[in-house]
Amino acid sequence: MIQLDYKSSKPIYEQIIEQMKFNVMKGYLSPMDAIPSVRKLALDLKITPGTVAKAYQELERQGVIETIRGKGTFIAEEIDIKQDDAKIQSIRKKLSTEILELKMMGFDKKQTVELVKNVYDEI
């Protein structure tokens, strides 16, 4: 369900969040599907439970998962991810850096937009 890239500069908890959202978006996980407990996922991934707990807390804060006391953790029945202005600013900054790189390689606006469309469609 989740594959970590230990060589990536992206923190492990962010990789868990990203992949969990991807699995939901692609329909691999549906509303009210059970997901592994913090301890189980930590054991499976060979990481500390605190890292998984941090990812789960953020996923719960974003409304992607919900914990039902005594039953476990599940994909939220209704996922309502709200716009996060701080996250948008962070993404905008990353996009600016990457678009600058494309411009330096000679990409024009049309080529850049086409590349972004292709990546968007792949996801």
PDB file of N, CA and C in Angstrom:
ATOM      1  N   MET A   1       0.824  -1.197   0.000  1.00  0.00           N
ATOM      2  CA  MET A   1       0.000   0.000   0.000  1.00  0.00           C
ATOM      3  C   MET A   1       0.868   1.262   0.000  1.00  0.00           C
ATOM      4  N   ILE A   2       1.939   1.239   0.786  1.00  0.00           N
ATOM      5  CA  ILE A   2       2.817   2.403   0.864  1.00  0.00           C
ATOM      6  C   ILE A   2       4.253   1.950   0.651  1.00  0.00           C
ATOM      7  N   GLN A   3       4.938   2.642  -0.242  1.00  0.00           N
ATOM      8  CA  GLN A   3       6.343   2.357  -0.520  1.00  0.00           C
ATOM      9  C   GLN A   3       7.140   3.619  -0.203  1.00  0.00           C
ATOM     10  N   LEU A   4       8.134   3.484   0.652  1.00  0.00           N
ATOM     11  CA  LEU A   4       8.934   4.635   1.048  1.00  0.00           C
ATOM     12  C   LEU A   4      10.218   4.702   0.236  1.00  0.00           C
ATOM     13  N   ASP A   5      10.632   5.921  -0.038  1.00  0.00           N
ATOM     14  CA  ASP A   5      11.915   6.167  -0.690  1.00  0.00           C
ATOM     15  C   ASP A   5      12.824   6.765   0.376  1.00  0.00           C
ATOM     16  N   TYR A   6      13.670   5.922   0.947  1.00  0.00           N
ATOM     17  CA  TYR A   6      14.525   6.354   2.045  1.00  0.00           C
ATOM     18  C   TYR A   6      15.624   7.306   1.579  1.00  0.00           C
ATOM     19  N   LYS A   7      15.858   7.382   0.285  1.00  0.00           N
ATOM     20  CA  LYS A   7      16.878   8.280  -0.256  1.00  0.00           C
ATOM     21  C   LYS A   7      16.307   9.656  -0.596  1.00  0.00           C
ATOM     22  N   SER A   8      14.992   9.773  -0.552  1.00  0.00           N
ATOM     23  CA  SER A   8      14.337  11.033  -0.893  1.00  0.00           C
ATOM     24  C   SER A   8      14.594  12.086   0.183  1.00  0.00           C
ATOM     25  N   SER A   9      14.635  13.338  -0.248  1.00  0.00           N
ATOM     26  CA  SER A   9      14.769  14.431   0.719  1.00  0.00           C
ATOM     27  C   SER A   9      13.425  14.731   1.393  1.00  0.00           C
ATOM     28  N   LYS A  10      12.343  14.154   0.847  1.00  0.00           N
ATOM     29  CA  LYS A  10      11.012  14.359   1.427  1.00  0.00           C
ATOM     30  C   LYS A  10      10.896  13.532   2.708  1.00  0.00           C
ATOM     31  N   PRO A  11      10.459  14.157   3.808  1.00  0.00           N
ATOM     32  CA  PRO A  11      10.313  13.414   5.063  1.00  0.00           C
ATOM     33  C   PRO A  11       9.384  12.210   4.908  1.00  0.00           C
ATOM     34  N   ILE A  12       9.662  11.173   5.667  1.00  0.00           N
ATOM     35  CA  ILE A  12       8.901   9.925   5.568  1.00  0.00           C
ATOM     36  C   ILE A  12       7.420  10.153   5.862  1.00  0.00           C
ATOM     37  N   TYR A  13       7.101  10.960   6.867  1.00  0.00           N
ATOM     38  CA  TYR A  13       5.691  11.170   7.190  1.00  0.00           C
ATOM     39  C   TYR A  13       4.963  11.839   6.031  1.00  0.00           C
ATOM     40  N   GLU A  14       5.657  12.719   5.290  1.00  0.00           N
ATOM     41  CA  GLU A  14       5.040  13.365   4.127  1.00  0.00           C
ATOM     42  C   GLU A  14       4.830  12.361   2.993  1.00  0.00           C
ATOM     43  N   GLN A  15       5.742  11.415   2.860  1.00  0.00           N
ATOM     44  CA  GLN A  15       5.573  10.364   1.850  1.00  0.00           C
ATOM     45  C   GLN A  15       4.346   9.518   2.167  1.00  0.00           C
ATOM     46  N   ILE A  16       4.146   9.222   3.451  1.00  0.00           N
ATOM     47  CA  ILE A  16       2.969   8.437   3.868  1.00  0.00           C
ATOM     48  C   ILE A  16       1.699   9.210   3.538  1.00  0.00           C
ATOM     49  N   ILE A  17       1.667  10.490   3.876  1.00  0.00           N
ATOM     50  CA  ILE A  17       0.494  11.330   3.601  1.00  0.00           C
ATOM     51  C   ILE A  17       0.204  11.349   2.099  1.00  0.00           C
ATOM     52  N   GLU A  18       1.233  11.609   1.318  1.00  0.00           N
ATOM     53  CA  GLU A  18       1.078  11.704  -0.136  1.00  0.00           C
ATOM     54  C   GLU A  18       0.552  10.399  -0.730  1.00  0.00           C
ATOM     55  N   GLN A  19       1.115   9.288  -0.303  1.00  0.00           N
ATOM     56  CA  GLN A  19       0.700   8.012  -0.869  1.00  0.00           C
ATOM     57  C   GLN A  19      -0.694   7.594  -0.400  1.00  0.00           C
ATOM     58  N   MET A  20      -1.038   7.933   0.823  1.00  0.00           N
ATOM     59  CA  MET A  20      -2.383   7.621   1.315  1.00  0.00           C
ATOM     60  C   MET A  20      -3.419   8.407   0.495  1.00  0.00           C
ATOM     61  N   LYS A  21      -3.146   9.687   0.265  1.00  0.00           N
ATOM     62  CA  LYS A  21      -4.053  10.512  -0.542  1.00  0.00           C
ATOM     63  C   LYS A  21      -4.137   9.972  -1.975  1.00  0.00           C
ATOM     64  N   PHE A  22      -2.994   9.567  -2.532  1.00  0.00           N
ATOM     65  CA  PHE A  22      -2.963   9.009  -3.882  1.00  0.00           C
ATOM     66  C   PHE A  22      -3.828   7.750  -3.947  1.00  0.00           C
ATOM     67  N   ASN A  23      -3.705   6.868  -2.958  1.00  0.00           N
ATOM     68  CA  ASN A  23      -4.485   5.629  -2.933  1.00  0.00           C
ATOM     69  C   ASN A  23      -5.981   5.917  -2.847  1.00  0.00           C
ATOM     70  N   VAL A  24      -6.348   6.962  -2.128  1.00  0.00           N
ATOM     71  CA  VAL A  24      -7.762   7.345  -2.033  1.00  0.00           C
ATOM     72  C   VAL A  24      -8.218   7.925  -3.372  1.00  0.00           C
ATOM     73  N   MET A  25      -7.411   8.824  -3.926  1.00  0.00           N
ATOM     74  CA  MET A  25      -7.778   9.476  -5.181  1.00  0.00           C
ATOM     75  C   MET A  25      -7.939   8.471  -6.315  1.00  0.00           C
ATOM     76  N   LYS A  26      -7.072   7.469  -6.363  1.00  0.00           N
ATOM     77  CA  LYS A  26      -7.131   6.461  -7.420  1.00  0.00           C
ATOM     78  C   LYS A  26      -8.213   5.401  -7.169  1.00  0.00           C
ATOM     79  N   GLY A  27      -8.825   5.434  -5.996  1.00  0.00           N
ATOM     80  CA  GLY A  27      -9.882   4.474  -5.700  1.00  0.00           C
ATOM     81  C   GLY A  27      -9.380   3.162  -5.127  1.00  0.00           C
ATOM     82  N   TYR A  28      -8.085   3.083  -4.814  1.00  0.00           N
ATOM     83  CA  TYR A  28      -7.544   1.873  -4.198  1.00  0.00           C
ATOM     84  C   TYR A  28      -8.038   1.739  -2.761  1.00  0.00           C
ATOM     85  N   LEU A  29      -8.328   2.878  -2.156  1.00  0.00           N
ATOM     86  CA  LEU A  29      -8.934   2.907  -0.820  1.00  0.00           C
ATOM     87  C   LEU A  29     -10.243   3.675  -0.930  1.00  0.00           C
ATOM     88  N   SER A  30     -11.294   3.106  -0.380  1.00  0.00           N
ATOM     89  CA  SER A  30     -12.618   3.714  -0.460  1.00  0.00           C
ATOM     90  C   SER A  30     -13.058   4.198   0.919  1.00  0.00           C
ATOM     91  N   PRO A  31     -14.057   5.071   0.941  1.00  0.00           N
ATOM     92  CA  PRO A  31     -14.569   5.525   2.231  1.00  0.00           C
ATOM     93  C   PRO A  31     -14.930   4.342   3.140  1.00  0.00           C
ATOM     94  N   MET A  32     -14.518   4.460   4.365  1.00  0.00           N
ATOM     95  CA  MET A  32     -14.747   3.500   5.447  1.00  0.00           C
ATOM     96  C   MET A  32     -13.909   2.228   5.322  1.00  0.00           C
ATOM     97  N   ASP A  33     -12.941   2.192   4.409  1.00  0.00           N
ATOM     98  CA  ASP A  33     -11.968   1.095   4.382  1.00  0.00           C
ATOM     99  C   ASP A  33     -11.065   1.241   5.599  1.00  0.00           C
ATOM    100  N   ALA A  34     -10.789   0.139   6.247  1.00  0.00           N
ATOM    101  CA  ALA A  34      -9.876   0.146   7.383  1.00  0.00           C
ATOM    102  C   ALA A  34      -8.450   0.301   6.872  1.00  0.00           C
ATOM    103  N   ILE A  35      -7.653   1.056   7.608  1.00  0.00           N
ATOM    104  CA  ILE A  35      -6.232   1.163   7.290  1.00  0.00           C
ATOM    105  C   ILE A  35      -5.454   0.620   8.485  1.00  0.00           C
ATOM    106  N   PRO A  36      -4.202   0.231   8.279  1.00  0.00           N
ATOM    107  CA  PRO A  36      -3.435  -0.364   9.373  1.00  0.00           C
ATOM    108  C   PRO A  36      -3.300   0.577  10.570  1.00  0.00           C
ATOM    109  N   SER A  37      -3.206  -0.008  11.738  1.00  0.00           N
ATOM    110  CA  SER A  37      -2.960   0.791  12.931  1.00  0.00           C
ATOM    111  C   SER A  37      -1.586   1.432  12.815  1.00  0.00           C
ATOM    112  N   VAL A  38      -1.340   2.421  13.651  1.00  0.00           N
ATOM    113  CA  VAL A  38      -0.047   3.093  13.667  1.00  0.00           C
ATOM    114  C   VAL A  38       1.064   2.068  13.878  1.00  0.00           C
ATOM    115  N   ARG A  39       0.904   1.215  14.859  1.00  0.00           N
ATOM    116  CA  ARG A  39       1.945   0.221  15.160  1.00  0.00           C
ATOM    117  C   ARG A  39       2.153  -0.768  14.021  1.00  0.00           C
ATOM    118  N   LYS A  40       1.068  -1.233  13.431  1.00  0.00           N
ATOM    119  CA  LYS A  40       1.164  -2.221  12.341  1.00  0.00           C
ATOM    120  C   LYS A  40       1.881  -1.614  11.141  1.00  0.00           C
ATOM    121  N   LEU A  41       1.489  -0.402  10.749  1.00  0.00           N
ATOM    122  CA  LEU A  41       2.124   0.234   9.597  1.00  0.00           C
ATOM    123  C   LEU A  41       3.597   0.527   9.889  1.00  0.00           C
ATOM    124  N   ALA A  42       3.887   0.957  11.108  1.00  0.00           N
ATOM    125  CA  ALA A  42       5.280   1.222  11.488  1.00  0.00           C
ATOM    126  C   ALA A  42       6.113  -0.056  11.388  1.00  0.00           C
ATOM    127  N   LEU A  43       5.560  -1.162  11.850  1.00  0.00           N
ATOM    128  CA  LEU A  43       6.270  -2.444  11.746  1.00  0.00           C
ATOM    129  C   LEU A  43       6.468  -2.852  10.292  1.00  0.00           C
ATOM    130  N   ASP A  44       5.422  -2.718   9.496  1.00  0.00           N
ATOM    131  CA  ASP A  44       5.495  -3.093   8.081  1.00  0.00           C
ATOM    132  C   ASP A  44       6.537  -2.264   7.325  1.00  0.00           C
ATOM    133  N   LEU A  45       6.601  -0.968   7.653  1.00  0.00           N
ATOM    134  CA  LEU A  45       7.511  -0.068   6.950  1.00  0.00           C
ATOM    135  C   LEU A  45       8.890   0.021   7.615  1.00  0.00           C
ATOM    136  N   LYS A  46       8.998  -0.609   8.792  1.00  0.00           N
ATOM    137  CA  LYS A  46      10.251  -0.590   9.566  1.00  0.00           C
ATOM    138  C   LYS A  46      10.675   0.834   9.914  1.00  0.00           C
ATOM    139  N   ILE A  47       9.696   1.583  10.435  1.00  0.00           N
ATOM    140  CA  ILE A  47       9.952   2.950  10.893  1.00  0.00           C
ATOM    141  C   ILE A  47       9.351   3.107  12.286  1.00  0.00           C
ATOM    142  N   THR A  48       9.586   4.239  12.908  1.00  0.00           N
ATOM    143  CA  THR A  48       9.072   4.443  14.261  1.00  0.00           C
ATOM    144  C   THR A  48       7.575   4.742  14.237  1.00  0.00           C
ATOM    145  N   PRO A  49       6.857   4.281  15.252  1.00  0.00           N
ATOM    146  CA  PRO A  49       5.423   4.586  15.329  1.00  0.00           C
ATOM    147  C   PRO A  49       5.136   6.085  15.365  1.00  0.00           C
ATOM    148  N   GLY A  50       6.047   6.867  15.909  1.00  0.00           N
ATOM    149  CA  GLY A  50       5.846   8.314  15.966  1.00  0.00           C
ATOM    150  C   GLY A  50       5.742   8.949  14.595  1.00  0.00           C
ATOM    151  N   THR A  51       6.482   8.415  13.652  1.00  0.00           N
ATOM    152  CA  THR A  51       6.443   8.930  12.277  1.00  0.00           C
ATOM    153  C   THR A  51       5.086   8.652  11.645  1.00  0.00           C
ATOM    154  N   VAL A  52       4.592   7.438  11.842  1.00  0.00           N
ATOM    155  CA  VAL A  52       3.274   7.078  11.305  1.00  0.00           C
ATOM    156  C   VAL A  52       2.191   7.893  12.014  1.00  0.00           C
ATOM    157  N   ALA A  53       2.331   8.042  13.324  1.00  0.00           N
ATOM    158  CA  ALA A  53       1.343   8.811  14.094  1.00  0.00           C
ATOM    159  C   ALA A  53       1.277  10.251  13.580  1.00  0.00           C
ATOM    160  N   LYS A  54       2.420  10.840  13.273  1.00  0.00           N
ATOM    161  CA  LYS A  54       2.456  12.212  12.747  1.00  0.00           C
ATOM    162  C   LYS A  54       1.712  12.295  11.413  1.00  0.00           C
ATOM    163  N   ALA A  55       1.932  11.316  10.542  1.00  0.00           N
ATOM    164  CA  ALA A  55       1.240  11.284   9.251  1.00  0.00           C
ATOM    165  C   ALA A  55      -0.269  11.113   9.449  1.00  0.00           C
ATOM    166  N   TYR A  56      -0.648  10.192  10.322  1.00  0.00           N
ATOM    167  CA  TYR A  56      -2.068   9.949  10.575  1.00  0.00           C
ATOM    168  C   TYR A  56      -2.739  11.184  11.174  1.00  0.00           C
ATOM    169  N   GLN A  57      -2.040  11.884  12.076  1.00  0.00           N
ATOM    170  CA  GLN A  57      -2.619  13.101  12.671  1.00  0.00           C
ATOM    171  C   GLN A  57      -2.902  14.139  11.595  1.00  0.00           C
ATOM    172  N   GLU A  58      -1.961  14.290  10.663  1.00  0.00           N
ATOM    173  CA  GLU A  58      -2.147  15.263   9.591  1.00  0.00           C
ATOM    174  C   GLU A  58      -3.270  14.822   8.643  1.00  0.00           C
ATOM    175  N   LEU A  59      -3.320  13.543   8.326  1.00  0.00           N
ATOM    176  CA  LEU A  59      -4.396  13.032   7.473  1.00  0.00           C
ATOM    177  C   LEU A  59      -5.757  13.214   8.144  1.00  0.00           C
ATOM    178  N   GLU A  60      -5.794  13.034   9.445  1.00  0.00           N
ATOM    179  CA  GLU A  60      -7.052  13.223  10.175  1.00  0.00           C
ATOM    180  C   GLU A  60      -7.420  14.708  10.206  1.00  0.00           C
ATOM    181  N   ARG A  61      -6.429  15.563  10.417  1.00  0.00           N
ATOM    182  CA  ARG A  61      -6.673  17.006  10.420  1.00  0.00           C
ATOM    183  C   ARG A  61      -7.218  17.461   9.065  1.00  0.00           C
ATOM    184  N   GLN A  62      -6.730  16.846   7.994  1.00  0.00           N
ATOM    185  CA  GLN A  62      -7.179  17.207   6.650  1.00  0.00           C
ATOM    186  C   GLN A  62      -8.496  16.545   6.254  1.00  0.00           C
ATOM    187  N   GLY A  63      -9.004  15.650   7.092  1.00  0.00           N
ATOM    188  CA  GLY A  63     -10.284  15.019   6.807  1.00  0.00           C
ATOM    189  C   GLY A  63     -10.207  13.815   5.892  1.00  0.00           C
ATOM    190  N   VAL A  64      -9.018  13.244   5.712  1.00  0.00           N
ATOM    191  CA  VAL A  64      -8.856  12.088   4.835  1.00  0.00           C
ATOM    192  C   VAL A  64      -9.153  10.791   5.581  1.00  0.00           C
ATOM    193  N   ILE A  65      -8.764  10.731   6.841  1.00  0.00           N
ATOM    194  CA  ILE A  65      -9.019   9.533   7.648  1.00  0.00           C
ATOM    195  C   ILE A  65      -9.733   9.932   8.932  1.00  0.00           C
ATOM    196  N   GLU A  66     -10.309   8.942   9.583  1.00  0.00           N
ATOM    197  CA  GLU A  66     -10.935   9.183  10.888  1.00  0.00           C
ATOM    198  C   GLU A  66     -10.712   7.963  11.774  1.00  0.00           C
ATOM    199  N   THR A  67     -10.534   8.241  13.037  1.00  0.00           N
ATOM    200  CA  THR A  67     -10.323   7.176  14.008  1.00  0.00           C
ATOM    201  C   THR A  67     -11.598   6.993  14.807  1.00  0.00           C
ATOM    202  N   ILE A  68     -12.029   5.747  14.901  1.00  0.00           N
ATOM    203  CA  ILE A  68     -13.212   5.422  15.692  1.00  0.00           C
ATOM    204  C   ILE A  68     -12.723   4.627  16.893  1.00  0.00           C
ATOM    205  N   ARG A  69     -12.873   5.216  18.063  1.00  0.00           N
ATOM    206  CA  ARG A  69     -12.370   4.612  19.284  1.00  0.00           C
ATOM    207  C   ARG A  69     -12.872   3.175  19.435  1.00  0.00           C
ATOM    208  N   GLY A  70     -11.925   2.285  19.666  1.00  0.00           N
ATOM    209  CA  GLY A  70     -12.259   0.887  19.877  1.00  0.00           C
ATOM    210  C   GLY A  70     -12.446   0.077  18.596  1.00  0.00           C
ATOM    211  N   LYS A  71     -12.447   0.756  17.454  1.00  0.00           N
ATOM    212  CA  LYS A  71     -12.664   0.047  16.185  1.00  0.00           C
ATOM    213  C   LYS A  71     -11.464   0.160  15.248  1.00  0.00           C
ATOM    214  N   GLY A  72     -10.799   1.307  15.231  1.00  0.00           N
ATOM    215  CA  GLY A  72      -9.643   1.477  14.373  1.00  0.00           C
ATOM    216  C   GLY A  72      -9.678   2.764  13.578  1.00  0.00           C
ATOM    217  N   THR A  73      -8.833   2.802  12.569  1.00  0.00           N
ATOM    218  CA  THR A  73      -8.715   3.991  11.720  1.00  0.00           C
ATOM    219  C   THR A  73      -9.197   3.633  10.321  1.00  0.00           C
ATOM    220  N   PHE A  74      -9.964   4.540   9.747  1.00  0.00           N
ATOM    221  CA  PHE A  74     -10.633   4.286   8.473  1.00  0.00           C
ATOM    222  C   PHE A  74     -10.483   5.490   7.551  1.00  0.00           C
ATOM    223  N   ILE A  75     -10.632   5.235   6.257  1.00  0.00           N
ATOM    224  CA  ILE A  75     -10.744   6.331   5.303  1.00  0.00           C
ATOM    225  C   ILE A  75     -12.063   7.032   5.630  1.00  0.00           C
ATOM    226  N   ALA A  76     -12.038   8.348   5.668  1.00  0.00           N
ATOM    227  CA  ALA A  76     -13.225   9.122   6.049  1.00  0.00           C
ATOM    228  C   ALA A  76     -14.400   8.804   5.132  1.00  0.00           C
ATOM    229  N   GLU A  77     -15.578   8.804   5.739  1.00  0.00           N
ATOM    230  CA  GLU A  77     -16.796   8.506   4.973  1.00  0.00           C
ATOM    231  C   GLU A  77     -17.019   9.561   3.887  1.00  0.00           C
ATOM    232  N   GLU A  78     -16.804  10.816   4.258  1.00  0.00           N
ATOM    233  CA  GLU A  78     -16.890  11.900   3.287  1.00  0.00           C
ATOM    234  C   GLU A  78     -15.616  12.718   3.394  1.00  0.00           C
ATOM    235  N   ILE A  79     -14.816  12.634   2.359  1.00  0.00           N
ATOM    236  CA  ILE A  79     -13.557  13.352   2.359  1.00  0.00           C
ATOM    237  C   ILE A  79     -13.802  14.769   1.866  1.00  0.00           C
ATOM    238  N   ASP A  80     -13.479  15.709   2.718  1.00  0.00           N
ATOM    239  CA  ASP A  80     -13.697  17.116   2.402  1.00  0.00           C
ATOM    240  C   ASP A  80     -12.394  17.859   2.670  1.00  0.00           C
ATOM    241  N   ILE A  81     -11.483  17.780   1.703  1.00  0.00           N
ATOM    242  CA  ILE A  81     -10.202  18.441   1.868  1.00  0.00           C
ATOM    243  C   ILE A  81     -10.378  19.915   1.541  1.00  0.00           C
ATOM    244  N   LYS A  82     -10.126  20.738   2.535  1.00  0.00           N
ATOM    245  CA  LYS A  82     -10.305  22.175   2.386  1.00  0.00           C
ATOM    246  C   LYS A  82      -9.030  22.816   1.838  1.00  0.00           C
ATOM    247  N   GLN A  83      -9.217  23.943   1.198  1.00  0.00           N
ATOM    248  CA  GLN A  83      -8.082  24.683   0.664  1.00  0.00           C
ATOM    249  C   GLN A  83      -7.216  25.173   1.815  1.00  0.00           C
ATOM    250  N   ASP A  84      -5.934  24.938   1.712  1.00  0.00           N
ATOM    251  CA  ASP A  84      -4.965  25.318   2.729  1.00  0.00           C
ATOM    252  C   ASP A  84      -4.031  26.357   2.118  1.00  0.00           C
ATOM    253  N   ASP A  85      -4.218  27.624   2.494  1.00  0.00           N
ATOM    254  CA  ASP A  85      -3.456  28.709   1.877  1.00  0.00           C
ATOM    255  C   ASP A  85      -1.950  28.556   2.088  1.00  0.00           C
ATOM    256  N   ALA A  86      -1.540  28.087   3.245  1.00  0.00           N
ATOM    257  CA  ALA A  86      -0.111  27.894   3.507  1.00  0.00           C
ATOM    258  C   ALA A  86       0.450  26.817   2.581  1.00  0.00           C
ATOM    259  N   LYS A  87      -0.305  25.753   2.389  1.00  0.00           N
ATOM    260  CA  LYS A  87       0.129  24.666   1.500  1.00  0.00           C
ATOM    261  C   LYS A  87       0.204  25.170   0.056  1.00  0.00           C
ATOM    262  N   ILE A  88      -0.764  25.976  -0.343  1.00  0.00           N
ATOM    263  CA  ILE A  88      -0.768  26.528  -1.703  1.00  0.00           C
ATOM    264  C   ILE A  88       0.469  27.397  -1.919  1.00  0.00           C
ATOM    265  N   GLN A  89       0.827  28.208  -0.930  1.00  0.00           N
ATOM    266  CA  GLN A  89       2.029  29.047  -1.043  1.00  0.00           C
ATOM    267  C   GLN A  89       3.290  28.193  -1.165  1.00  0.00           C
ATOM    268  N   SER A  90       3.341  27.101  -0.415  1.00  0.00           N
ATOM    269  CA  SER A  90       4.476  26.190  -0.470  1.00  0.00           C
ATOM    270  C   SER A  90       4.579  25.552  -1.861  1.00  0.00           C
ATOM    271  N   ILE A  91       3.454  25.113  -2.395  1.00  0.00           N
ATOM    272  CA  ILE A  91       3.423  24.499  -3.732  1.00  0.00           C
ATOM    273  C   ILE A  91       3.813  25.533  -4.788  1.00  0.00           C
ATOM    274  N   ARG A  92       3.303  26.744  -4.636  1.00  0.00           N
ATOM    275  CA  ARG A  92       3.616  27.817  -5.583  1.00  0.00           C
ATOM    276  C   ARG A  92       5.125  28.073  -5.631  1.00  0.00           C
ATOM    277  N   LYS A  93       5.756  28.071  -4.467  1.00  0.00           N
ATOM    278  CA  LYS A  93       7.198  28.296  -4.390  1.00  0.00           C
ATOM    279  C   LYS A  93       7.958  27.166  -5.103  1.00  0.00           C
ATOM    280  N   LYS A  94       7.522  25.915  -4.866  1.00  0.00           N
ATOM    281  CA  LYS A  94       8.165  24.774  -5.527  1.00  0.00           C
ATOM    282  C   LYS A  94       7.966  24.835  -7.035  1.00  0.00           C
ATOM    283  N   LEU A  95       6.747  25.191  -7.454  1.00  0.00           N
ATOM    284  CA  LEU A  95       6.472  25.300  -8.894  1.00  0.00           C
ATOM    285  C   LEU A  95       7.338  26.384  -9.536  1.00  0.00           C
ATOM    286  N   SER A  96       7.502  27.496  -8.848  1.00  0.00           N
ATOM    287  CA  SER A  96       8.323  28.585  -9.382  1.00  0.00           C
ATOM    288  C   SER A  96       9.747  28.108  -9.647  1.00  0.00           C
ATOM    289  N   THR A  97      10.289  27.362  -8.708  1.00  0.00           N
ATOM    290  CA  THR A  97      11.643  26.836  -8.861  1.00  0.00           C
ATOM    291  C   THR A  97      11.725  25.908 -10.067  1.00  0.00           C
ATOM    292  N   GLU A  98      10.753  25.000 -10.190  1.00  0.00           N
ATOM    293  CA  GLU A  98      10.765  24.029 -11.289  1.00  0.00           C
ATOM    294  C   GLU A  98      10.512  24.699 -12.637  1.00  0.00           C
ATOM    295  N   ILE A  99       9.643  25.684 -12.671  1.00  0.00           N
ATOM    296  CA  ILE A  99       9.365  26.388 -13.928  1.00  0.00           C
ATOM    297  C   ILE A  99      10.590  27.183 -14.358  1.00  0.00           C
ATOM    298  N   LEU A 100      11.304  27.759 -13.412  1.00  0.00           N
ATOM    299  CA  LEU A 100      12.551  28.457 -13.732  1.00  0.00           C
ATOM    300  C   LEU A 100      13.535  27.491 -14.397  1.00  0.00           C
ATOM    301  N   GLU A 101      13.627  26.276 -13.859  1.00  0.00           N
ATOM    302  CA  GLU A 101      14.505  25.259 -14.448  1.00  0.00           C
ATOM    303  C   GLU A 101      14.088  24.946 -15.885  1.00  0.00           C
ATOM    304  N   LEU A 102      12.780  24.805 -16.114  1.00  0.00           N
ATOM    305  CA  LEU A 102      12.291  24.532 -17.471  1.00  0.00           C
ATOM    306  C   LEU A 102      12.632  25.687 -18.421  1.00  0.00           C
ATOM    307  N   LYS A 103      12.467  26.931 -17.938  1.00  0.00           N
ATOM    308  CA  LYS A 103      12.797  28.096 -18.761  1.00  0.00           C
ATOM    309  C   LYS A 103      14.288  28.098 -19.110  1.00  0.00           C
ATOM    310  N   MET A 104      15.107  27.727 -18.144  1.00  0.00           N
ATOM    311  CA  MET A 104      16.550  27.690 -18.379  1.00  0.00           C
ATOM    312  C   MET A 104      16.906  26.635 -19.435  1.00  0.00           C
ATOM    313  N   MET A 105      16.078  25.588 -19.549  1.00  0.00           N
ATOM    314  CA  MET A 105      16.312  24.542 -20.549  1.00  0.00           C
ATOM    315  C   MET A 105      15.676  24.891 -21.890  1.00  0.00           C
ATOM    316  N   GLY A 106      15.050  26.061 -21.983  1.00  0.00           N
ATOM    317  CA  GLY A 106      14.502  26.503 -23.252  1.00  0.00           C
ATOM    318  C   GLY A 106      13.020  26.226 -23.460  1.00  0.00           C
ATOM    319  N   PHE A 107      12.334  25.739 -22.425  1.00  0.00           N
ATOM    320  CA  PHE A 107      10.892  25.503 -22.556  1.00  0.00           C
ATOM    321  C   PHE A 107      10.169  26.838 -22.636  1.00  0.00           C
ATOM    322  N   ASP A 108       9.206  26.936 -23.560  1.00  0.00           N
ATOM    323  CA  ASP A 108       8.363  28.123 -23.586  1.00  0.00           C
ATOM    324  C   ASP A 108       7.107  27.845 -22.754  1.00  0.00           C
ATOM    325  N   LYS A 109       6.234  28.827 -22.671  1.00  0.00           N
ATOM    326  CA  LYS A 109       5.033  28.702 -21.836  1.00  0.00           C
ATOM    327  C   LYS A 109       4.157  27.539 -22.289  1.00  0.00           C
ATOM    328  N   LYS A 110       3.979  27.409 -23.590  1.00  0.00           N
ATOM    329  CA  LYS A 110       3.119  26.347 -24.122  1.00  0.00           C
ATOM    330  C   LYS A 110       3.671  24.966 -23.767  1.00  0.00           C
ATOM    331  N   GLN A 111       4.977  24.779 -23.932  1.00  0.00           N
ATOM    332  CA  GLN A 111       5.597  23.490 -23.595  1.00  0.00           C
ATOM    333  C   GLN A 111       5.488  23.193 -22.097  1.00  0.00           C
ATOM    334  N   THR A 112       5.659  24.228 -21.294  1.00  0.00           N
ATOM    335  CA  THR A 112       5.575  24.061 -19.837  1.00  0.00           C
ATOM    336  C   THR A 112       4.167  23.662 -19.426  1.00  0.00           C
ATOM    337  N   VAL A 113       3.178  24.346 -19.973  1.00  0.00           N
ATOM    338  CA  VAL A 113       1.778  24.029 -19.656  1.00  0.00           C
ATOM    339  C   VAL A 113       1.447  22.607 -20.107  1.00  0.00           C
ATOM    340  N   GLU A 114       1.928  22.219 -21.269  1.00  0.00           N
ATOM    341  CA  GLU A 114       1.681  20.868 -21.782  1.00  0.00           C
ATOM    342  C   GLU A 114       2.305  19.813 -20.860  1.00  0.00           C
ATOM    343  N   LEU A 115       3.505  20.078 -20.383  1.00  0.00           N
ATOM    344  CA  LEU A 115       4.167  19.164 -19.459  1.00  0.00           C
ATOM    345  C   LEU A 115       3.363  19.024 -18.164  1.00  0.00           C
ATOM    346  N   VAL A 116       2.900  20.149 -17.646  1.00  0.00           N
ATOM    347  CA  VAL A 116       2.102  20.119 -16.417  1.00  0.00           C
ATOM    348  C   VAL A 116       0.803  19.345 -16.652  1.00  0.00           C
ATOM    349  N   LYS A 117       0.158  19.564 -17.793  1.00  0.00           N
ATOM    350  CA  LYS A 117      -1.067  18.822 -18.113  1.00  0.00           C
ATOM    351  C   LYS A 117      -0.799  17.319 -18.163  1.00  0.00           C
ATOM    352  N   ASN A 118       0.297  16.922 -18.776  1.00  0.00           N
ATOM    353  CA  ASN A 118       0.634  15.500 -18.880  1.00  0.00           C
ATOM    354  C   ASN A 118       0.861  14.890 -17.497  1.00  0.00           C
ATOM    355  N   VAL A 119       1.593  15.602 -16.668  1.00  0.00           N
ATOM    356  CA  VAL A 119       1.850  15.099 -15.305  1.00  0.00           C
ATOM    357  C   VAL A 119       0.545  15.003 -14.539  1.00  0.00           C
ATOM    358  N   TYR A 120      -0.303  16.021 -14.666  1.00  0.00           N
ATOM    359  CA  TYR A 120      -1.603  16.022 -13.989  1.00  0.00           C
ATOM    360  C   TYR A 120      -2.441  14.817 -14.428  1.00  0.00           C
ATOM    361  N   ASP A 121      -2.452  14.538 -15.723  1.00  0.00           N
ATOM    362  CA  ASP A 121      -3.227  13.419 -16.254  1.00  0.00           C
ATOM    363  C   ASP A 121      -2.671  12.067 -15.800  1.00  0.00           C
ATOM    364  N   GLU A 122      -1.353  11.978 -15.617  1.00  0.00           N
ATOM    365  CA  GLU A 122      -0.738  10.740 -15.150  1.00  0.00           C
ATOM    366  C   GLU A 122      -1.153  10.407 -13.719  1.00  0.00           C
ATOM    367  N   ILE A 123      -1.404  11.446 -12.955  1.00  0.00           N
ATOM    368  CA  ILE A 123      -1.790  11.246 -11.553  1.00  0.00           C
ATOM    369  C   ILE A 123      -3.264  10.923 -11.509  1.00  0.00           C
TER     370      ILE A 123
END
